Amino acid sequence: MIRTFRTVISLVLVIITSLLVSCSSAPATQIPTVYTPEKIEQLQVIATPVKEYREQLDKLGNLISQKNWVDTRTLIHGPLGRLRQDINNLSASLLPKDQARANELAKSLFNNFERIDAAAKERNAPAVADRYQQAIQDFDAYLKLLPS
């Protein structure tokens, strides 16, 4: 009898505990809508290498204007090769309201790089120049998204 009583009590306690745990909820976390000074400082640290790539894009423009296709492709695959990773890290650190636009611009930028590479391989100067201008516009628009 005592054994049955203990079993029933244990079962009741398990049911009550399960019920309490399943009915409780954690407080909802609010998604930030503005950049705090601390977040801006963190973003500036992450953005520094990305901003430095702008100089590489100017160098790319010079190579394109000289029709130096080998070095154009080398620059895209070499020094600019890490830009995708750096931009993706930076985009993930932005507020959710800015992430969608940042990802859209990044996708367009890298699509333009791929087309510059393909056009340079074919030595198609007009296509390379057109895609380069679009890449510059995308990159500059991306940089304008960053809080200061």
N, C-alpha and C. Protein backbone atom coordinates (compact mmCIF):
# COMPACT_ATOMS: atom_id res chain seq x y z
N MET A 1 0.81 -1.19 0.00
CA MET A 1 0.00 0.00 0.00
C MET A 1 0.86 1.26 0.00
N ILE A 2 1.87 1.31 0.85
CA ILE A 2 2.75 2.47 0.90
C ILE A 2 3.50 2.61 -0.44
N ARG A 3 3.85 1.49 -0.99
CA ARG A 3 4.56 1.51 -2.28
C ARG A 3 3.66 2.09 -3.36
N THR A 4 2.42 1.71 -3.41
CA THR A 4 1.46 2.24 -4.37
C THR A 4 1.24 3.73 -4.14
N PHE A 5 1.15 4.12 -2.89
CA PHE A 5 0.96 5.53 -2.54
C PHE A 5 2.15 6.36 -3.03
N ARG A 6 3.37 5.87 -2.83
CA ARG A 6 4.57 6.59 -3.29
C ARG A 6 4.58 6.69 -4.82
N THR A 7 4.20 5.65 -5.48
CA THR A 7 4.17 5.65 -6.94
C THR A 7 3.17 6.69 -7.45
N VAL A 8 2.00 6.72 -6.84
CA VAL A 8 0.97 7.68 -7.25
C VAL A 8 1.44 9.10 -6.99
N ILE A 9 2.03 9.33 -5.83
CA ILE A 9 2.53 10.68 -5.49
C ILE A 9 3.62 11.09 -6.48
N SER A 10 4.52 10.19 -6.78
CA SER A 10 5.59 10.49 -7.74
C SER A 10 5.00 10.83 -9.11
N LEU A 11 4.04 10.07 -9.54
CA LEU A 11 3.40 10.32 -10.82
C LEU A 11 2.69 11.67 -10.84
N VAL A 12 1.99 12.00 -9.77
CA VAL A 12 1.30 13.29 -9.68
C VAL A 12 2.31 14.43 -9.71
N LEU A 13 3.42 14.30 -9.00
CA LEU A 13 4.45 15.34 -9.00
C LEU A 13 5.07 15.52 -10.39
N VAL A 14 5.30 14.45 -11.09
CA VAL A 14 5.85 14.53 -12.45
C VAL A 14 4.87 15.25 -13.37
N ILE A 15 3.60 14.92 -13.26
CA ILE A 15 2.58 15.57 -14.10
C ILE A 15 2.48 17.06 -13.78
N ILE A 16 2.48 17.42 -12.52
CA ILE A 16 2.41 18.83 -12.13
C ILE A 16 3.64 19.58 -12.62
N THR A 17 4.80 19.00 -12.43
CA THR A 17 6.04 19.64 -12.89
C THR A 17 6.03 19.84 -14.40
N SER A 18 5.64 18.81 -15.13
CA SER A 18 5.57 18.91 -16.59
C SER A 18 4.59 20.00 -17.02
N LEU A 19 3.47 20.04 -16.36
CA LEU A 19 2.46 21.04 -16.68
C LEU A 19 2.97 22.46 -16.42
N LEU A 20 3.64 22.65 -15.29
CA LEU A 20 4.17 23.97 -14.98
C LEU A 20 5.25 24.40 -15.96
N VAL A 21 6.12 23.48 -16.32
CA VAL A 21 7.19 23.81 -17.25
C VAL A 21 6.62 24.11 -18.64
N SER A 22 5.67 23.34 -19.09
CA SER A 22 5.13 23.56 -20.43
C SER A 22 4.27 24.81 -20.52
N CYS A 23 3.68 25.22 -19.43
CA CYS A 23 2.83 26.42 -19.46
C CYS A 23 3.61 27.71 -19.26
N SER A 24 4.80 27.59 -18.73
CA SER A 24 5.59 28.81 -18.53
C SER A 24 6.25 29.18 -19.84
N SER A 25 6.54 30.44 -20.00
CA SER A 25 7.23 30.90 -21.20
C SER A 25 8.26 31.93 -20.83
N ALA A 26 9.32 31.95 -21.62
CA ALA A 26 10.37 32.93 -21.40
C ALA A 26 9.87 34.29 -21.88
N PRO A 27 10.33 35.36 -21.28
CA PRO A 27 9.91 36.67 -21.76
C PRO A 27 10.38 36.87 -23.20
N ALA A 28 9.54 37.47 -23.99
CA ALA A 28 9.86 37.70 -25.39
C ALA A 28 11.01 38.69 -25.50
N THR A 29 11.98 38.35 -26.33
CA THR A 29 13.10 39.27 -26.54
C THR A 29 12.73 40.25 -27.63
N GLN A 30 13.04 41.48 -27.40
CA GLN A 30 12.73 42.51 -28.39
C GLN A 30 13.87 42.63 -29.38
N ILE A 31 13.51 42.78 -30.63
CA ILE A 31 14.50 42.98 -31.68
C ILE A 31 14.86 44.46 -31.68
N PRO A 32 16.16 44.77 -31.57
CA PRO A 32 16.53 46.18 -31.55
C PRO A 32 16.18 46.86 -32.87
N THR A 33 15.77 48.12 -32.77
CA THR A 33 15.40 48.87 -33.97
C THR A 33 16.34 50.03 -34.25
N VAL A 34 17.23 50.32 -33.32
CA VAL A 34 18.22 51.38 -33.51
C VAL A 34 19.59 50.86 -33.08
N TYR A 35 20.60 51.47 -33.63
CA TYR A 35 21.96 51.10 -33.29
C TYR A 35 22.38 51.82 -32.00
N THR A 36 22.87 51.07 -31.06
CA THR A 36 23.41 51.67 -29.83
C THR A 36 24.83 52.13 -30.13
N PRO A 37 25.36 53.03 -29.33
CA PRO A 37 26.75 53.45 -29.55
C PRO A 37 27.73 52.27 -29.50
N GLU A 38 27.45 51.30 -28.63
CA GLU A 38 28.32 50.12 -28.54
C GLU A 38 28.26 49.30 -29.82
N LYS A 39 27.05 49.15 -30.37
CA LYS A 39 26.87 48.40 -31.61
C LYS A 39 27.55 49.11 -32.77
N ILE A 40 27.44 50.42 -32.81
CA ILE A 40 28.09 51.20 -33.88
C ILE A 40 29.61 51.02 -33.80
N GLU A 41 30.13 51.05 -32.59
CA GLU A 41 31.57 50.87 -32.41
C GLU A 41 32.00 49.49 -32.88
N GLN A 42 31.21 48.48 -32.54
CA GLN A 42 31.51 47.11 -32.97
C GLN A 42 31.45 47.01 -34.50
N LEU A 43 30.45 47.61 -35.10
CA LEU A 43 30.31 47.57 -36.55
C LEU A 43 31.46 48.28 -37.25
N GLN A 44 31.94 49.37 -36.67
CA GLN A 44 33.04 50.09 -37.29
C GLN A 44 34.31 49.24 -37.32
N VAL A 45 34.50 48.45 -36.28
CA VAL A 45 35.67 47.56 -36.25
C VAL A 45 35.54 46.51 -37.35
N ILE A 46 34.35 45.93 -37.47
CA ILE A 46 34.12 44.91 -38.49
C ILE A 46 34.16 45.51 -39.89
N ALA A 47 33.72 46.76 -40.03
CA ALA A 47 33.62 47.40 -41.35
C ALA A 47 34.96 47.91 -41.87
N THR A 48 35.93 48.09 -41.00
CA THR A 48 37.21 48.66 -41.43
C THR A 48 37.83 47.89 -42.60
N PRO A 49 37.97 46.56 -42.51
CA PRO A 49 38.56 45.88 -43.67
C PRO A 49 37.69 45.97 -44.92
N VAL A 50 36.38 45.99 -44.75
CA VAL A 50 35.49 46.10 -45.90
C VAL A 50 35.69 47.44 -46.59
N LYS A 51 35.79 48.50 -45.82
CA LYS A 51 36.00 49.83 -46.40
C LYS A 51 37.34 49.91 -47.13
N GLU A 52 38.33 49.17 -46.66
CA GLU A 52 39.65 49.19 -47.30
C GLU A 52 39.62 48.54 -48.69
N TYR A 53 38.63 47.69 -48.92
CA TYR A 53 38.51 47.07 -50.24
C TYR A 53 38.14 48.08 -51.31
N ARG A 54 37.64 49.23 -50.90
CA ARG A 54 37.27 50.27 -51.89
C ARG A 54 38.49 50.68 -52.70
N GLU A 55 39.65 50.73 -52.05
CA GLU A 55 40.89 51.07 -52.77
C GLU A 55 41.22 49.98 -53.80
N GLN A 56 40.96 48.73 -53.44
CA GLN A 56 41.20 47.64 -54.38
C GLN A 56 40.29 47.75 -55.60
N LEU A 57 39.06 48.24 -55.37
CA LEU A 57 38.14 48.42 -56.49
C LEU A 57 38.64 49.51 -57.43
N ASP A 58 39.26 50.55 -56.88
CA ASP A 58 39.85 51.59 -57.74
C ASP A 58 41.00 51.00 -58.56
N LYS A 59 41.78 50.15 -57.92
CA LYS A 59 42.88 49.48 -58.63
C LYS A 59 42.31 48.59 -59.73
N LEU A 60 41.20 47.92 -59.45
CA LEU A 60 40.55 47.09 -60.45
C LEU A 60 40.11 47.94 -61.64
N GLY A 61 39.58 49.12 -61.36
CA GLY A 61 39.17 50.03 -62.43
C GLY A 61 40.34 50.42 -63.32
N ASN A 62 41.50 50.67 -62.70
CA ASN A 62 42.68 51.01 -63.49
C ASN A 62 43.11 49.84 -64.39
N LEU A 63 43.07 48.63 -63.85
CA LEU A 63 43.44 47.46 -64.64
C LEU A 63 42.47 47.27 -65.81
N ILE A 64 41.19 47.52 -65.55
CA ILE A 64 40.19 47.39 -66.61
C ILE A 64 40.41 48.44 -67.69
N SER A 65 40.69 49.67 -67.29
CA SER A 65 40.91 50.73 -68.29
C SER A 65 42.17 50.46 -69.12
N GLN A 66 43.14 49.75 -68.53
CA GLN A 66 44.35 49.38 -69.27
C GLN A 66 44.17 48.09 -70.07
N LYS A 67 43.00 47.48 -69.92
CA LYS A 67 42.69 46.20 -70.57
C LYS A 67 43.69 45.12 -70.19
N ASN A 68 44.09 45.16 -68.94
CA ASN A 68 45.01 44.16 -68.40
C ASN A 68 44.15 43.03 -67.81
N TRP A 69 43.73 42.12 -68.68
CA TRP A 69 42.74 41.11 -68.29
C TRP A 69 43.28 40.09 -67.30
N VAL A 70 44.54 39.73 -67.43
CA VAL A 70 45.12 38.74 -66.52
C VAL A 70 45.15 39.29 -65.09
N ASP A 71 45.65 40.50 -64.93
CA ASP A 71 45.71 41.09 -63.60
C ASP A 71 44.32 41.43 -63.05
N THR A 72 43.39 41.75 -63.96
CA THR A 72 42.00 42.00 -63.54
C THR A 72 41.44 40.75 -62.87
N ARG A 73 41.60 39.62 -63.53
CA ARG A 73 41.09 38.37 -62.98
C ARG A 73 41.85 37.96 -61.73
N THR A 74 43.14 38.22 -61.70
CA THR A 74 43.95 37.88 -60.53
C THR A 74 43.51 38.69 -59.32
N LEU A 75 43.24 39.97 -59.52
CA LEU A 75 42.80 40.83 -58.42
C LEU A 75 41.44 40.37 -57.87
N ILE A 76 40.55 39.97 -58.76
CA ILE A 76 39.23 39.50 -58.32
C ILE A 76 39.37 38.24 -57.48
N HIS A 77 40.19 37.32 -57.92
CA HIS A 77 40.33 36.05 -57.21
C HIS A 77 41.28 36.15 -56.03
N GLY A 78 42.21 37.08 -56.07
CA GLY A 78 43.20 37.21 -55.01
C GLY A 78 42.76 38.15 -53.91
N PRO A 79 43.23 39.40 -53.96
CA PRO A 79 42.92 40.35 -52.87
C PRO A 79 41.43 40.58 -52.64
N LEU A 80 40.62 40.53 -53.69
CA LEU A 80 39.18 40.73 -53.50
C LEU A 80 38.44 39.44 -53.15
N GLY A 81 39.16 38.34 -53.13
CA GLY A 81 38.55 37.04 -52.86
C GLY A 81 37.98 36.92 -51.46
N ARG A 82 38.54 37.60 -50.51
CA ARG A 82 38.07 37.53 -49.13
C ARG A 82 36.93 38.51 -48.84
N LEU A 83 36.66 39.39 -49.77
CA LEU A 83 35.62 40.39 -49.58
C LEU A 83 34.26 39.76 -49.29
N ARG A 84 33.95 38.67 -49.95
CA ARG A 84 32.65 38.01 -49.75
C ARG A 84 32.48 37.60 -48.29
N GLN A 85 33.49 36.99 -47.72
CA GLN A 85 33.41 36.55 -46.33
C GLN A 85 33.28 37.76 -45.39
N ASP A 86 34.06 38.78 -45.64
CA ASP A 86 34.02 39.97 -44.77
C ASP A 86 32.66 40.67 -44.85
N ILE A 87 32.11 40.78 -46.05
CA ILE A 87 30.80 41.43 -46.20
C ILE A 87 29.71 40.58 -45.55
N ASN A 88 29.78 39.27 -45.70
CA ASN A 88 28.77 38.41 -45.08
C ASN A 88 28.81 38.53 -43.55
N ASN A 89 30.01 38.60 -42.98
CA ASN A 89 30.13 38.78 -41.53
C ASN A 89 29.56 40.13 -41.10
N LEU A 90 29.85 41.15 -41.86
CA LEU A 90 29.36 42.48 -41.54
C LEU A 90 27.83 42.54 -41.68
N SER A 91 27.30 41.96 -42.73
CA SER A 91 25.85 41.96 -42.94
C SER A 91 25.12 41.26 -41.79
N ALA A 92 25.69 40.18 -41.31
CA ALA A 92 25.07 39.44 -40.21
C ALA A 92 25.07 40.24 -38.91
N SER A 93 25.93 41.22 -38.81
CA SER A 93 26.01 42.05 -37.60
C SER A 93 25.07 43.26 -37.65
N LEU A 94 24.50 43.53 -38.80
CA LEU A 94 23.59 44.67 -38.92
C LEU A 94 22.26 44.35 -38.27
N LEU A 95 21.47 45.39 -38.02
CA LEU A 95 20.12 45.19 -37.50
C LEU A 95 19.28 44.47 -38.55
N PRO A 96 18.30 43.70 -38.11
CA PRO A 96 17.47 42.95 -39.06
C PRO A 96 16.85 43.83 -40.15
N LYS A 97 16.51 45.06 -39.80
CA LYS A 97 15.88 45.94 -40.79
C LYS A 97 16.84 46.30 -41.93
N ASP A 98 18.15 46.23 -41.68
CA ASP A 98 19.15 46.56 -42.71
C ASP A 98 19.74 45.32 -43.38
N GLN A 99 19.57 44.17 -42.79
CA GLN A 99 20.20 42.96 -43.31
C GLN A 99 19.70 42.57 -44.69
N ALA A 100 18.40 42.69 -44.92
CA ALA A 100 17.85 42.28 -46.22
C ALA A 100 18.46 43.11 -47.35
N ARG A 101 18.50 44.41 -47.18
CA ARG A 101 19.07 45.29 -48.21
C ARG A 101 20.56 45.03 -48.37
N ALA A 102 21.27 44.83 -47.26
CA ALA A 102 22.71 44.56 -47.31
C ALA A 102 22.98 43.25 -48.06
N ASN A 103 22.20 42.23 -47.79
CA ASN A 103 22.38 40.95 -48.48
C ASN A 103 22.07 41.07 -49.96
N GLU A 104 21.06 41.86 -50.29
CA GLU A 104 20.69 42.08 -51.69
C GLU A 104 21.83 42.78 -52.44
N LEU A 105 22.39 43.82 -51.84
CA LEU A 105 23.50 44.54 -52.47
C LEU A 105 24.74 43.65 -52.58
N ALA A 106 25.01 42.87 -51.55
CA ALA A 106 26.17 41.97 -51.58
C ALA A 106 26.02 40.94 -52.69
N LYS A 107 24.83 40.39 -52.83
CA LYS A 107 24.59 39.39 -53.88
C LYS A 107 24.80 40.01 -55.26
N SER A 108 24.30 41.21 -55.45
CA SER A 108 24.47 41.90 -56.73
C SER A 108 25.95 42.21 -56.99
N LEU A 109 26.65 42.64 -55.94
CA LEU A 109 28.07 42.95 -56.07
C LEU A 109 28.85 41.73 -56.53
N PHE A 110 28.62 40.60 -55.90
CA PHE A 110 29.38 39.40 -56.25
C PHE A 110 28.94 38.81 -57.58
N ASN A 111 27.71 39.03 -57.94
CA ASN A 111 27.26 38.64 -59.28
C ASN A 111 28.02 39.47 -60.32
N ASN A 112 28.19 40.76 -60.04
CA ASN A 112 28.95 41.61 -60.97
C ASN A 112 30.41 41.18 -61.04
N PHE A 113 31.01 40.80 -59.92
CA PHE A 113 32.39 40.31 -59.94
C PHE A 113 32.51 39.06 -60.81
N GLU A 114 31.55 38.17 -60.68
CA GLU A 114 31.58 36.94 -61.49
C GLU A 114 31.48 37.28 -62.98
N ARG A 115 30.65 38.24 -63.30
CA ARG A 115 30.49 38.63 -64.71
C ARG A 115 31.70 39.41 -65.22
N ILE A 116 32.32 40.20 -64.34
CA ILE A 116 33.57 40.88 -64.73
C ILE A 116 34.62 39.83 -65.06
N ASP A 117 34.73 38.83 -64.21
CA ASP A 117 35.71 37.76 -64.41
C ASP A 117 35.46 37.04 -65.74
N ALA A 118 34.21 36.70 -66.00
CA ALA A 118 33.87 35.99 -67.25
C ALA A 118 34.14 36.88 -68.47
N ALA A 119 33.77 38.14 -68.39
CA ALA A 119 33.99 39.05 -69.52
C ALA A 119 35.48 39.33 -69.72
N ALA A 120 36.25 39.40 -68.64
CA ALA A 120 37.69 39.61 -68.76
C ALA A 120 38.35 38.39 -69.40
N LYS A 121 37.83 37.23 -69.07
CA LYS A 121 38.35 36.00 -69.69
C LYS A 121 38.13 36.02 -71.19
N GLU A 122 37.01 36.60 -71.60
CA GLU A 122 36.69 36.71 -73.04
C GLU A 122 37.25 37.99 -73.66
N ARG A 123 37.87 38.83 -72.84
CA ARG A 123 38.44 40.11 -73.28
C ARG A 123 37.36 41.03 -73.87
N ASN A 124 36.21 41.03 -73.22
CA ASN A 124 35.07 41.83 -73.66
C ASN A 124 35.08 43.14 -72.85
N ALA A 125 35.79 44.14 -73.36
CA ALA A 125 35.98 45.40 -72.64
C ALA A 125 34.67 46.11 -72.30
N PRO A 126 33.71 46.24 -73.21
CA PRO A 126 32.48 46.95 -72.86
C PRO A 126 31.71 46.25 -71.72
N ALA A 127 31.65 44.93 -71.76
CA ALA A 127 30.93 44.20 -70.70
C ALA A 127 31.65 44.34 -69.37
N VAL A 128 32.97 44.29 -69.38
CA VAL A 128 33.74 44.44 -68.14
C VAL A 128 33.51 45.83 -67.56
N ALA A 129 33.58 46.85 -68.40
CA ALA A 129 33.41 48.23 -67.93
C ALA A 129 32.01 48.44 -67.36
N ASP A 130 31.00 47.90 -68.03
CA ASP A 130 29.63 48.04 -67.55
C ASP A 130 29.44 47.37 -66.19
N ARG A 131 29.91 46.15 -66.06
CA ARG A 131 29.76 45.43 -64.79
C ARG A 131 30.60 46.07 -63.68
N TYR A 132 31.73 46.63 -64.05
CA TYR A 132 32.55 47.32 -63.05
C TYR A 132 31.79 48.52 -62.48
N GLN A 133 31.15 49.30 -63.34
CA GLN A 133 30.38 50.45 -62.85
C GLN A 133 29.24 50.01 -61.94
N GLN A 134 28.59 48.92 -62.30
CA GLN A 134 27.51 48.41 -61.45
C GLN A 134 28.06 47.91 -60.11
N ALA A 135 29.23 47.27 -60.13
CA ALA A 135 29.84 46.78 -58.90
C ALA A 135 30.19 47.96 -57.97
N ILE A 136 30.72 49.03 -58.54
CA ILE A 136 31.05 50.22 -57.75
C ILE A 136 29.79 50.80 -57.12
N GLN A 137 28.72 50.88 -57.89
CA GLN A 137 27.45 51.40 -57.35
C GLN A 137 26.94 50.53 -56.22
N ASP A 138 27.00 49.22 -56.38
CA ASP A 138 26.55 48.31 -55.33
C ASP A 138 27.40 48.44 -54.07
N PHE A 139 28.70 48.51 -54.27
CA PHE A 139 29.61 48.60 -53.12
C PHE A 139 29.39 49.91 -52.37
N ASP A 140 29.29 51.00 -53.09
CA ASP A 140 29.06 52.30 -52.43
C ASP A 140 27.71 52.34 -51.72
N ALA A 141 26.69 51.75 -52.32
CA ALA A 141 25.37 51.69 -51.67
C ALA A 141 25.45 50.84 -50.41
N TYR A 142 26.22 49.78 -50.45
CA TYR A 142 26.40 48.94 -49.27
C TYR A 142 27.07 49.74 -48.14
N LEU A 143 28.11 50.47 -48.49
CA LEU A 143 28.82 51.25 -47.47
C LEU A 143 27.92 52.32 -46.85
N LYS A 144 26.98 52.86 -47.64
CA LYS A 144 26.06 53.88 -47.12
C LYS A 144 25.06 53.29 -46.13
N LEU A 145 24.84 51.98 -46.17
CA LEU A 145 23.94 51.33 -45.20
C LEU A 145 24.53 51.30 -43.79
N LEU A 146 25.85 51.36 -43.72
CA LEU A 146 26.51 51.21 -42.43
C LEU A 146 26.29 52.45 -41.56
N PRO A 147 25.95 52.26 -40.29
CA PRO A 147 25.75 53.41 -39.41
C PRO A 147 27.10 54.05 -39.08
N SER A 148 27.06 55.34 -38.82
CA SER A 148 28.30 56.03 -38.46
C SER A 148 28.19 56.68 -37.11
